[in-house]
N, C-alpha and C. Protein backbone atom coordinates (compact mmCIF):
# COMPACT_ATOMS: atom_id res chain seq x y z
N UNK A 1 -62.12 -6.06 -18.07
CA UNK A 1 -60.90 -5.50 -18.62
C UNK A 1 -59.71 -6.23 -18.02
N UNK A 2 -58.71 -6.50 -18.83
CA UNK A 2 -57.53 -7.23 -18.40
C UNK A 2 -56.69 -6.39 -17.45
N UNK A 3 -56.14 -7.06 -16.44
CA UNK A 3 -55.22 -6.39 -15.53
C UNK A 3 -53.81 -6.93 -15.72
N UNK A 4 -53.57 -7.55 -16.85
CA UNK A 4 -52.26 -8.13 -17.16
C UNK A 4 -51.63 -7.39 -18.32
N UNK A 5 -50.32 -7.47 -18.40
CA UNK A 5 -49.59 -6.88 -19.51
C UNK A 5 -49.55 -7.88 -20.67
N UNK A 6 -49.97 -7.44 -21.85
CA UNK A 6 -49.84 -8.26 -23.06
C UNK A 6 -48.36 -8.34 -23.41
N UNK A 7 -47.86 -9.55 -23.66
CA UNK A 7 -46.45 -9.73 -23.94
C UNK A 7 -46.21 -10.03 -25.41
N UNK A 8 -44.97 -9.83 -25.82
CA UNK A 8 -44.56 -10.04 -27.20
C UNK A 8 -45.11 -11.37 -27.71
N UNK A 9 -45.66 -11.36 -28.89
CA UNK A 9 -46.32 -12.53 -29.45
C UNK A 9 -47.84 -12.39 -29.43
N UNK A 10 -48.35 -11.54 -28.54
CA UNK A 10 -49.78 -11.28 -28.49
C UNK A 10 -50.14 -10.40 -29.69
N UNK A 11 -51.13 -10.83 -30.46
CA UNK A 11 -51.50 -10.14 -31.71
C UNK A 11 -51.88 -8.67 -31.51
N UNK A 12 -52.39 -8.31 -30.34
CA UNK A 12 -52.81 -6.91 -30.14
C UNK A 12 -51.62 -5.95 -30.23
N UNK A 13 -50.43 -6.43 -29.93
CA UNK A 13 -49.24 -5.58 -29.99
C UNK A 13 -48.80 -5.28 -31.42
N UNK A 14 -49.41 -5.95 -32.39
CA UNK A 14 -49.07 -5.75 -33.80
C UNK A 14 -50.14 -4.97 -34.56
N UNK A 15 -51.23 -4.60 -33.88
CA UNK A 15 -52.32 -3.86 -34.52
C UNK A 15 -52.14 -2.36 -34.36
N UNK A 16 -52.69 -1.61 -35.31
CA UNK A 16 -52.81 -0.16 -35.15
C UNK A 16 -53.99 0.08 -34.22
N UNK A 17 -53.76 0.85 -33.16
CA UNK A 17 -54.81 1.14 -32.19
C UNK A 17 -55.83 2.12 -32.79
N UNK A 18 -57.05 2.00 -32.33
CA UNK A 18 -58.15 2.86 -32.78
C UNK A 18 -58.13 4.19 -32.01
N UNK A 19 -58.54 5.28 -32.66
CA UNK A 19 -58.61 6.56 -31.95
C UNK A 19 -59.67 6.53 -30.84
N UNK A 20 -59.44 7.31 -29.82
CA UNK A 20 -60.44 7.51 -28.76
C UNK A 20 -61.48 8.48 -29.32
N UNK A 21 -62.74 8.08 -29.27
CA UNK A 21 -63.82 8.93 -29.80
C UNK A 21 -64.67 9.54 -28.69
N UNK A 22 -64.84 8.79 -27.60
CA UNK A 22 -65.68 9.25 -26.49
C UNK A 22 -64.79 9.52 -25.27
N UNK A 23 -64.52 10.80 -25.03
CA UNK A 23 -63.64 11.19 -23.93
C UNK A 23 -64.32 11.08 -22.57
N UNK A 24 -65.61 10.78 -22.55
CA UNK A 24 -66.34 10.65 -21.29
C UNK A 24 -66.65 9.19 -20.94
N UNK A 25 -66.24 8.27 -21.78
CA UNK A 25 -66.57 6.86 -21.57
C UNK A 25 -65.94 6.31 -20.29
N UNK A 26 -66.70 5.55 -19.55
CA UNK A 26 -66.19 4.90 -18.34
C UNK A 26 -65.05 3.95 -18.70
N UNK A 27 -65.15 3.31 -19.87
CA UNK A 27 -64.09 2.38 -20.29
C UNK A 27 -62.75 3.10 -20.48
N UNK A 28 -62.78 4.38 -20.87
CA UNK A 28 -61.56 5.17 -21.01
C UNK A 28 -60.93 5.38 -19.63
N UNK A 29 -61.73 5.78 -18.68
CA UNK A 29 -61.24 5.98 -17.30
C UNK A 29 -60.68 4.68 -16.74
N UNK A 30 -61.37 3.57 -16.97
CA UNK A 30 -60.90 2.27 -16.48
C UNK A 30 -59.57 1.89 -17.12
N UNK A 31 -59.44 2.13 -18.43
CA UNK A 31 -58.20 1.80 -19.12
C UNK A 31 -57.04 2.63 -18.56
N UNK A 32 -57.25 3.93 -18.39
CA UNK A 32 -56.20 4.80 -17.87
C UNK A 32 -55.83 4.39 -16.44
N UNK A 33 -56.82 4.07 -15.63
CA UNK A 33 -56.54 3.63 -14.25
C UNK A 33 -55.74 2.33 -14.24
N UNK A 34 -56.13 1.37 -15.08
CA UNK A 34 -55.41 0.09 -15.16
C UNK A 34 -53.98 0.30 -15.66
N UNK A 35 -53.83 1.16 -16.68
CA UNK A 35 -52.50 1.44 -17.22
C UNK A 35 -51.60 2.04 -16.15
N UNK A 36 -52.13 3.02 -15.42
CA UNK A 36 -51.36 3.69 -14.38
C UNK A 36 -50.94 2.70 -13.29
N UNK A 37 -51.88 1.87 -12.86
CA UNK A 37 -51.61 0.88 -11.82
C UNK A 37 -50.50 -0.08 -12.25
N UNK A 38 -50.64 -0.66 -13.45
CA UNK A 38 -49.65 -1.62 -13.92
C UNK A 38 -48.29 -0.97 -14.17
N UNK A 39 -48.29 0.23 -14.73
CA UNK A 39 -47.03 0.93 -14.98
C UNK A 39 -46.29 1.14 -13.65
N UNK A 40 -47.01 1.57 -12.62
CA UNK A 40 -46.39 1.80 -11.33
C UNK A 40 -45.95 0.50 -10.65
N UNK A 41 -46.80 -0.52 -10.72
CA UNK A 41 -46.45 -1.81 -10.12
C UNK A 41 -45.19 -2.41 -10.74
N UNK A 42 -45.05 -2.25 -12.05
CA UNK A 42 -43.92 -2.86 -12.77
C UNK A 42 -42.74 -1.91 -12.94
N UNK A 43 -42.81 -0.75 -12.31
CA UNK A 43 -41.74 0.25 -12.35
C UNK A 43 -41.40 0.69 -13.77
N UNK A 44 -42.46 0.87 -14.57
CA UNK A 44 -42.28 1.39 -15.91
C UNK A 44 -42.26 2.91 -15.90
N UNK A 45 -41.80 3.48 -17.01
CA UNK A 45 -41.80 4.94 -17.16
C UNK A 45 -42.80 5.38 -18.22
N UNK A 46 -43.52 4.42 -18.77
CA UNK A 46 -44.55 4.69 -19.75
C UNK A 46 -45.32 3.41 -20.04
N UNK A 47 -46.49 3.59 -20.64
CA UNK A 47 -47.32 2.44 -21.01
C UNK A 47 -48.31 2.89 -22.08
N UNK A 48 -48.71 1.97 -22.94
CA UNK A 48 -49.70 2.24 -23.98
C UNK A 48 -50.84 1.24 -23.84
N UNK A 49 -52.04 1.68 -24.22
CA UNK A 49 -53.24 0.85 -24.05
C UNK A 49 -53.13 -0.55 -24.66
N UNK A 50 -52.53 -0.73 -25.85
CA UNK A 50 -52.42 -2.09 -26.36
C UNK A 50 -51.70 -3.05 -25.40
N UNK A 51 -50.86 -2.51 -24.54
CA UNK A 51 -50.16 -3.36 -23.58
C UNK A 51 -51.08 -3.94 -22.52
N UNK A 52 -52.27 -3.37 -22.35
CA UNK A 52 -53.26 -3.96 -21.45
C UNK A 52 -54.43 -4.53 -22.26
N UNK A 53 -54.14 -4.85 -23.52
CA UNK A 53 -55.11 -5.47 -24.43
C UNK A 53 -56.29 -4.58 -24.76
N UNK A 54 -56.05 -3.26 -24.79
CA UNK A 54 -57.06 -2.29 -25.20
C UNK A 54 -56.53 -1.61 -26.46
N UNK A 55 -57.19 -1.83 -27.58
CA UNK A 55 -56.71 -1.29 -28.85
C UNK A 55 -57.23 0.13 -29.06
N UNK A 56 -56.73 1.05 -28.22
CA UNK A 56 -57.08 2.46 -28.34
C UNK A 56 -55.82 3.30 -28.25
N UNK A 57 -55.87 4.49 -28.83
CA UNK A 57 -54.71 5.38 -28.86
C UNK A 57 -54.61 6.16 -27.55
N UNK A 58 -54.13 5.45 -26.53
CA UNK A 58 -53.92 6.02 -25.20
C UNK A 58 -52.51 5.66 -24.78
N UNK A 59 -51.75 6.65 -24.33
CA UNK A 59 -50.46 6.34 -23.74
C UNK A 59 -50.21 7.25 -22.56
N UNK A 60 -49.35 6.79 -21.69
CA UNK A 60 -48.95 7.56 -20.51
C UNK A 60 -47.43 7.57 -20.47
N UNK A 61 -46.87 8.76 -20.27
CA UNK A 61 -45.44 8.84 -19.97
C UNK A 61 -45.31 9.38 -18.56
N UNK A 62 -44.44 8.76 -17.78
CA UNK A 62 -44.29 9.12 -16.37
C UNK A 62 -42.86 8.79 -15.94
N UNK A 63 -41.96 9.61 -16.35
CA UNK A 63 -40.55 9.38 -16.06
C UNK A 63 -40.23 9.73 -14.62
N UNK A 64 -39.58 8.80 -13.94
CA UNK A 64 -39.07 9.06 -12.60
C UNK A 64 -38.02 7.99 -12.29
N UNK A 65 -37.04 8.34 -11.48
CA UNK A 65 -36.03 7.34 -11.13
C UNK A 65 -36.67 6.15 -10.43
N UNK A 66 -36.27 4.95 -10.83
CA UNK A 66 -36.73 3.73 -10.16
C UNK A 66 -35.69 2.64 -10.41
N UNK A 67 -35.98 1.44 -9.94
CA UNK A 67 -35.03 0.33 -10.07
C UNK A 67 -34.68 0.04 -11.53
N UNK A 68 -35.67 0.11 -12.42
CA UNK A 68 -35.42 -0.21 -13.83
C UNK A 68 -34.73 0.94 -14.56
N UNK A 69 -35.00 2.19 -14.14
CA UNK A 69 -34.45 3.39 -14.78
C UNK A 69 -33.95 4.35 -13.71
N UNK A 70 -32.81 4.04 -13.07
CA UNK A 70 -32.36 4.85 -11.94
C UNK A 70 -32.01 6.30 -12.28
N UNK A 71 -31.66 6.59 -13.54
CA UNK A 71 -31.27 7.95 -13.93
C UNK A 71 -32.38 8.73 -14.63
N UNK A 72 -33.59 8.20 -14.59
CA UNK A 72 -34.71 8.86 -15.29
C UNK A 72 -35.03 10.21 -14.66
N UNK A 73 -35.29 11.24 -15.48
CA UNK A 73 -35.70 12.54 -14.94
C UNK A 73 -37.17 12.50 -14.51
N UNK A 74 -37.59 13.49 -13.74
CA UNK A 74 -38.99 13.57 -13.31
C UNK A 74 -39.86 14.20 -14.38
N UNK A 75 -40.94 13.52 -14.73
CA UNK A 75 -41.93 14.04 -15.68
C UNK A 75 -43.22 13.25 -15.53
N UNK A 76 -44.34 13.97 -15.50
CA UNK A 76 -45.64 13.31 -15.57
C UNK A 76 -46.15 12.88 -14.21
N UNK A 77 -47.12 11.99 -14.21
CA UNK A 77 -47.63 11.25 -15.37
C UNK A 77 -48.45 12.14 -16.32
N UNK A 78 -48.26 11.89 -17.58
CA UNK A 78 -48.94 12.65 -18.63
C UNK A 78 -49.72 11.67 -19.50
N UNK A 79 -51.05 11.80 -19.46
CA UNK A 79 -51.94 10.95 -20.27
C UNK A 79 -52.14 11.63 -21.62
N UNK A 80 -51.89 10.89 -22.69
CA UNK A 80 -52.05 11.43 -24.05
C UNK A 80 -53.02 10.53 -24.82
N UNK A 81 -54.06 11.16 -25.36
CA UNK A 81 -55.05 10.45 -26.17
C UNK A 81 -54.90 10.90 -27.62
N UNK A 82 -54.95 9.95 -28.54
CA UNK A 82 -54.83 10.22 -29.98
C UNK A 82 -53.60 11.09 -30.31
N UNK A 83 -52.43 10.73 -29.78
CA UNK A 83 -51.25 11.56 -30.05
C UNK A 83 -50.82 11.50 -31.51
N UNK A 84 -50.30 12.62 -31.99
CA UNK A 84 -49.75 12.70 -33.34
C UNK A 84 -48.41 13.41 -33.27
N UNK A 85 -47.44 12.87 -33.99
CA UNK A 85 -46.14 13.50 -34.06
C UNK A 85 -46.21 14.63 -35.08
N UNK A 86 -45.88 15.85 -34.63
CA UNK A 86 -45.85 17.01 -35.52
C UNK A 86 -44.51 17.06 -36.22
N UNK A 87 -43.46 16.93 -35.44
CA UNK A 87 -42.10 16.94 -35.99
C UNK A 87 -41.19 16.22 -35.00
N UNK A 88 -40.22 15.52 -35.55
CA UNK A 88 -39.20 14.94 -34.69
C UNK A 88 -37.84 15.30 -35.26
N UNK A 89 -36.87 15.45 -34.38
CA UNK A 89 -35.56 15.93 -34.78
C UNK A 89 -34.85 14.92 -35.69
N UNK A 90 -34.04 15.45 -36.58
CA UNK A 90 -33.16 14.60 -37.38
C UNK A 90 -32.02 14.09 -36.52
N UNK A 91 -31.67 14.87 -35.49
CA UNK A 91 -30.63 14.44 -34.56
C UNK A 91 -31.15 13.25 -33.76
N UNK A 92 -30.32 12.21 -33.68
CA UNK A 92 -30.73 11.00 -32.99
C UNK A 92 -29.74 10.64 -31.89
N UNK A 93 -30.16 9.70 -31.08
CA UNK A 93 -29.36 9.20 -29.97
C UNK A 93 -29.65 7.70 -29.87
N UNK A 94 -28.63 6.94 -29.49
CA UNK A 94 -28.79 5.51 -29.30
C UNK A 94 -28.86 5.25 -27.80
N UNK A 95 -29.86 4.50 -27.37
CA UNK A 95 -30.00 4.21 -25.94
C UNK A 95 -30.65 2.86 -25.71
N UNK A 96 -30.41 2.34 -24.51
CA UNK A 96 -31.00 1.06 -24.12
C UNK A 96 -32.47 1.26 -23.76
N UNK A 97 -33.30 0.37 -24.26
CA UNK A 97 -34.73 0.38 -23.92
C UNK A 97 -35.15 -0.99 -23.43
N UNK A 98 -36.11 -0.97 -22.53
CA UNK A 98 -36.78 -2.17 -22.08
C UNK A 98 -38.27 -1.95 -22.26
N UNK A 99 -39.05 -2.97 -22.00
CA UNK A 99 -40.49 -2.86 -22.23
C UNK A 99 -41.23 -3.84 -21.34
N UNK A 100 -42.33 -3.37 -20.77
CA UNK A 100 -43.15 -4.25 -19.94
C UNK A 100 -43.70 -5.42 -20.74
N UNK A 101 -43.85 -5.24 -22.07
CA UNK A 101 -44.37 -6.31 -22.93
C UNK A 101 -43.28 -7.24 -23.46
N UNK A 102 -42.03 -6.89 -23.19
CA UNK A 102 -40.89 -7.72 -23.60
C UNK A 102 -40.05 -7.92 -22.33
N UNK A 103 -40.52 -8.76 -21.41
CA UNK A 103 -39.90 -8.85 -20.10
C UNK A 103 -38.46 -9.35 -20.14
N UNK A 104 -37.65 -8.75 -19.26
CA UNK A 104 -36.28 -9.18 -19.01
C UNK A 104 -35.31 -9.01 -20.17
N UNK A 105 -35.66 -8.17 -21.13
CA UNK A 105 -34.81 -7.94 -22.31
C UNK A 105 -34.61 -6.43 -22.47
N UNK A 106 -33.41 -6.04 -22.88
CA UNK A 106 -33.13 -4.65 -23.25
C UNK A 106 -32.53 -4.67 -24.66
N UNK A 107 -32.70 -3.55 -25.36
CA UNK A 107 -32.13 -3.45 -26.71
C UNK A 107 -31.67 -2.03 -26.97
N UNK A 108 -30.62 -1.90 -27.79
CA UNK A 108 -30.13 -0.58 -28.19
C UNK A 108 -31.00 -0.07 -29.34
N UNK A 109 -31.58 1.11 -29.15
CA UNK A 109 -32.52 1.67 -30.12
C UNK A 109 -32.11 3.11 -30.44
N UNK A 110 -32.14 3.44 -31.73
CA UNK A 110 -31.88 4.81 -32.18
C UNK A 110 -33.21 5.55 -32.24
N UNK A 111 -33.27 6.70 -31.58
CA UNK A 111 -34.48 7.52 -31.56
C UNK A 111 -34.10 8.99 -31.78
N UNK A 112 -35.06 9.76 -32.26
CA UNK A 112 -34.89 11.21 -32.33
C UNK A 112 -34.72 11.75 -30.91
N UNK A 113 -33.89 12.79 -30.77
CA UNK A 113 -33.65 13.35 -29.43
C UNK A 113 -34.76 14.31 -28.99
N UNK A 114 -35.57 14.77 -29.93
CA UNK A 114 -36.70 15.63 -29.56
C UNK A 114 -37.89 15.35 -30.47
N UNK A 115 -39.06 15.64 -29.94
CA UNK A 115 -40.29 15.41 -30.69
C UNK A 115 -41.35 16.41 -30.22
N UNK A 116 -42.10 16.96 -31.18
CA UNK A 116 -43.25 17.80 -30.88
C UNK A 116 -44.50 16.99 -31.15
N UNK A 117 -45.43 17.03 -30.21
CA UNK A 117 -46.60 16.17 -30.25
C UNK A 117 -47.87 16.97 -30.00
N UNK A 118 -48.93 16.69 -30.76
CA UNK A 118 -50.26 17.16 -30.42
C UNK A 118 -51.05 15.95 -29.93
N UNK A 119 -51.91 16.18 -28.96
CA UNK A 119 -52.69 15.09 -28.37
C UNK A 119 -53.89 15.70 -27.68
N UNK A 120 -54.77 14.85 -27.19
CA UNK A 120 -55.91 15.28 -26.40
C UNK A 120 -55.70 14.82 -24.96
N UNK A 121 -56.08 15.67 -24.01
CA UNK A 121 -55.98 15.28 -22.61
C UNK A 121 -57.25 14.52 -22.21
N UNK A 122 -57.34 14.16 -20.94
CA UNK A 122 -58.48 13.35 -20.46
C UNK A 122 -59.82 14.06 -20.62
N UNK A 123 -59.81 15.40 -20.69
CA UNK A 123 -61.04 16.16 -20.86
C UNK A 123 -61.38 16.38 -22.33
N UNK A 124 -60.55 15.85 -23.24
CA UNK A 124 -60.80 16.02 -24.66
C UNK A 124 -60.29 17.33 -25.22
N UNK A 125 -59.44 18.04 -24.45
CA UNK A 125 -58.87 19.31 -24.91
C UNK A 125 -57.58 19.05 -25.68
N UNK A 126 -57.44 19.72 -26.81
CA UNK A 126 -56.24 19.56 -27.64
C UNK A 126 -55.06 20.24 -26.96
N UNK A 127 -53.93 19.54 -26.92
CA UNK A 127 -52.72 20.03 -26.27
C UNK A 127 -51.54 19.85 -27.22
N UNK A 128 -50.47 20.55 -26.94
CA UNK A 128 -49.23 20.37 -27.69
C UNK A 128 -48.08 20.40 -26.70
N UNK A 129 -47.06 19.58 -26.95
CA UNK A 129 -45.90 19.52 -26.06
C UNK A 129 -44.65 19.23 -26.87
N UNK A 130 -43.54 19.74 -26.40
CA UNK A 130 -42.23 19.43 -26.95
C UNK A 130 -41.50 18.60 -25.91
N UNK A 131 -40.97 17.47 -26.34
CA UNK A 131 -40.25 16.58 -25.44
C UNK A 131 -38.82 16.42 -25.94
N UNK A 132 -37.89 16.34 -25.01
CA UNK A 132 -36.48 16.17 -25.37
C UNK A 132 -35.85 15.09 -24.50
N UNK A 133 -34.80 14.46 -25.02
CA UNK A 133 -34.03 13.50 -24.25
C UNK A 133 -34.84 12.26 -23.90
N UNK A 134 -34.69 11.82 -22.64
CA UNK A 134 -35.35 10.59 -22.20
C UNK A 134 -36.88 10.65 -22.33
N UNK A 135 -37.53 11.77 -21.96
CA UNK A 135 -38.99 11.82 -22.16
C UNK A 135 -39.39 11.67 -23.64
N UNK A 136 -38.60 12.20 -24.57
CA UNK A 136 -38.88 12.00 -26.00
C UNK A 136 -38.76 10.52 -26.35
N UNK A 137 -37.74 9.87 -25.82
CA UNK A 137 -37.54 8.43 -26.05
C UNK A 137 -38.73 7.63 -25.52
N UNK A 138 -39.17 7.97 -24.31
CA UNK A 138 -40.33 7.27 -23.74
C UNK A 138 -41.55 7.45 -24.65
N UNK A 139 -41.83 8.69 -25.04
CA UNK A 139 -42.98 8.94 -25.90
C UNK A 139 -42.89 8.11 -27.19
N UNK A 140 -41.75 8.16 -27.87
CA UNK A 140 -41.60 7.45 -29.15
C UNK A 140 -41.74 5.95 -28.96
N UNK A 141 -41.24 5.43 -27.86
CA UNK A 141 -41.39 4.01 -27.54
C UNK A 141 -42.87 3.65 -27.37
N UNK A 142 -43.59 4.45 -26.59
CA UNK A 142 -45.01 4.17 -26.35
C UNK A 142 -45.84 4.41 -27.61
N UNK A 143 -45.50 5.43 -28.36
CA UNK A 143 -46.20 5.71 -29.62
C UNK A 143 -46.08 4.50 -30.57
N UNK A 144 -44.91 3.88 -30.59
CA UNK A 144 -44.74 2.67 -31.43
C UNK A 144 -45.79 1.62 -31.11
N UNK A 145 -46.15 1.48 -29.82
CA UNK A 145 -47.19 0.50 -29.45
C UNK A 145 -48.52 0.82 -30.11
N UNK A 146 -48.78 2.09 -30.37
CA UNK A 146 -50.05 2.48 -30.99
C UNK A 146 -50.07 2.18 -32.49
N UNK A 147 -48.89 1.96 -33.07
CA UNK A 147 -48.82 1.66 -34.51
C UNK A 147 -48.32 0.24 -34.78
N UNK A 148 -48.41 -0.60 -33.76
CA UNK A 148 -48.14 -2.02 -33.93
C UNK A 148 -46.67 -2.42 -33.90
N UNK A 149 -45.84 -1.62 -33.26
CA UNK A 149 -44.41 -1.93 -33.19
C UNK A 149 -43.96 -2.08 -31.73
N UNK A 150 -42.86 -2.80 -31.52
CA UNK A 150 -42.18 -2.82 -30.23
C UNK A 150 -40.75 -2.36 -30.46
N UNK A 151 -40.03 -2.10 -29.38
CA UNK A 151 -38.66 -1.63 -29.54
C UNK A 151 -37.79 -2.63 -30.28
N UNK A 152 -38.15 -3.91 -30.24
CA UNK A 152 -37.37 -4.93 -30.96
C UNK A 152 -37.38 -4.67 -32.47
N UNK A 153 -38.44 -4.05 -32.97
CA UNK A 153 -38.52 -3.69 -34.39
C UNK A 153 -37.55 -2.58 -34.74
N UNK A 154 -37.06 -1.86 -33.75
CA UNK A 154 -36.15 -0.72 -33.96
C UNK A 154 -34.68 -1.08 -33.69
N UNK A 155 -34.42 -2.25 -33.15
CA UNK A 155 -33.04 -2.68 -32.86
C UNK A 155 -32.35 -3.00 -34.18
N UNK A 156 -31.16 -2.42 -34.40
CA UNK A 156 -30.45 -2.58 -35.67
C UNK A 156 -29.90 -3.99 -35.86
N UNK A 157 -29.49 -4.64 -34.78
CA UNK A 157 -28.86 -5.96 -34.87
C UNK A 157 -29.24 -6.78 -33.65
N UNK A 158 -29.36 -8.08 -33.83
CA UNK A 158 -29.64 -8.94 -32.67
C UNK A 158 -28.47 -8.89 -31.67
N UNK A 159 -27.31 -8.44 -32.11
CA UNK A 159 -26.17 -8.27 -31.20
C UNK A 159 -26.41 -7.12 -30.22
N UNK A 160 -27.44 -6.31 -30.49
CA UNK A 160 -27.78 -5.17 -29.64
C UNK A 160 -28.92 -5.49 -28.68
N UNK A 161 -29.12 -6.79 -28.40
CA UNK A 161 -30.14 -7.24 -27.45
C UNK A 161 -29.42 -7.93 -26.30
N UNK A 162 -29.87 -7.63 -25.08
CA UNK A 162 -29.21 -8.15 -23.89
C UNK A 162 -30.26 -8.48 -22.84
N UNK A 163 -29.98 -9.46 -22.00
CA UNK A 163 -30.90 -9.75 -20.89
C UNK A 163 -30.81 -8.60 -19.89
N UNK A 164 -31.88 -8.40 -19.17
CA UNK A 164 -31.89 -7.33 -18.18
C UNK A 164 -30.86 -7.61 -17.08
N UNK A 165 -30.67 -8.87 -16.74
CA UNK A 165 -29.65 -9.25 -15.74
C UNK A 165 -28.27 -8.79 -16.20
N UNK A 166 -27.90 -9.10 -17.44
CA UNK A 166 -26.60 -8.70 -17.98
C UNK A 166 -26.51 -7.19 -18.12
N UNK A 167 -27.62 -6.56 -18.49
CA UNK A 167 -27.65 -5.10 -18.61
C UNK A 167 -27.26 -4.44 -17.30
N UNK A 168 -27.87 -4.89 -16.20
CA UNK A 168 -27.57 -4.27 -14.91
C UNK A 168 -26.15 -4.59 -14.44
N UNK A 169 -25.61 -5.76 -14.81
CA UNK A 169 -24.21 -6.05 -14.51
C UNK A 169 -23.29 -5.08 -15.24
N UNK A 170 -23.61 -4.76 -16.49
CA UNK A 170 -22.82 -3.81 -17.25
C UNK A 170 -22.86 -2.41 -16.64
N UNK A 171 -24.01 -2.05 -16.05
CA UNK A 171 -24.20 -0.71 -15.51
C UNK A 171 -23.50 -0.51 -14.17
N UNK A 172 -23.21 -1.63 -13.48
CA UNK A 172 -22.61 -1.48 -12.14
C UNK A 172 -21.11 -1.36 -12.16
């Protein structure tokens, strides 16, 4: 199993991920462990299995303040298998997003401010959660990876893309 992040241009990031069928598979545990390790090493707040070259519907959201997201609220880590959006708000918000698969770039992306999701946990139990604000943004960003999209597909204009270096200069 790969221990590297698949970057933009890698074909796996454009595929629809397959559902998880075997919740007891060792490969599932390995994928989740690798995702968690890489997300933490790279100071991400979420990650999806296609980003580690595993085409399965697995994502993790784990919001916490760090160098890349100093104002992030505390949440998770929350492992979601086969997530489905039940409803998302018509109310939207525009915010800067970055991605481990699109290194050193940020983009302004419009997202729903809240989302209700059904998913399966690591034990294969069906769960439901309502997410709002930044955690909703993280979920929607990671969910896009499961349907073959990156945040760059959601940026309205190339004028809304900035290097991470310039982004942090703007924030200071």
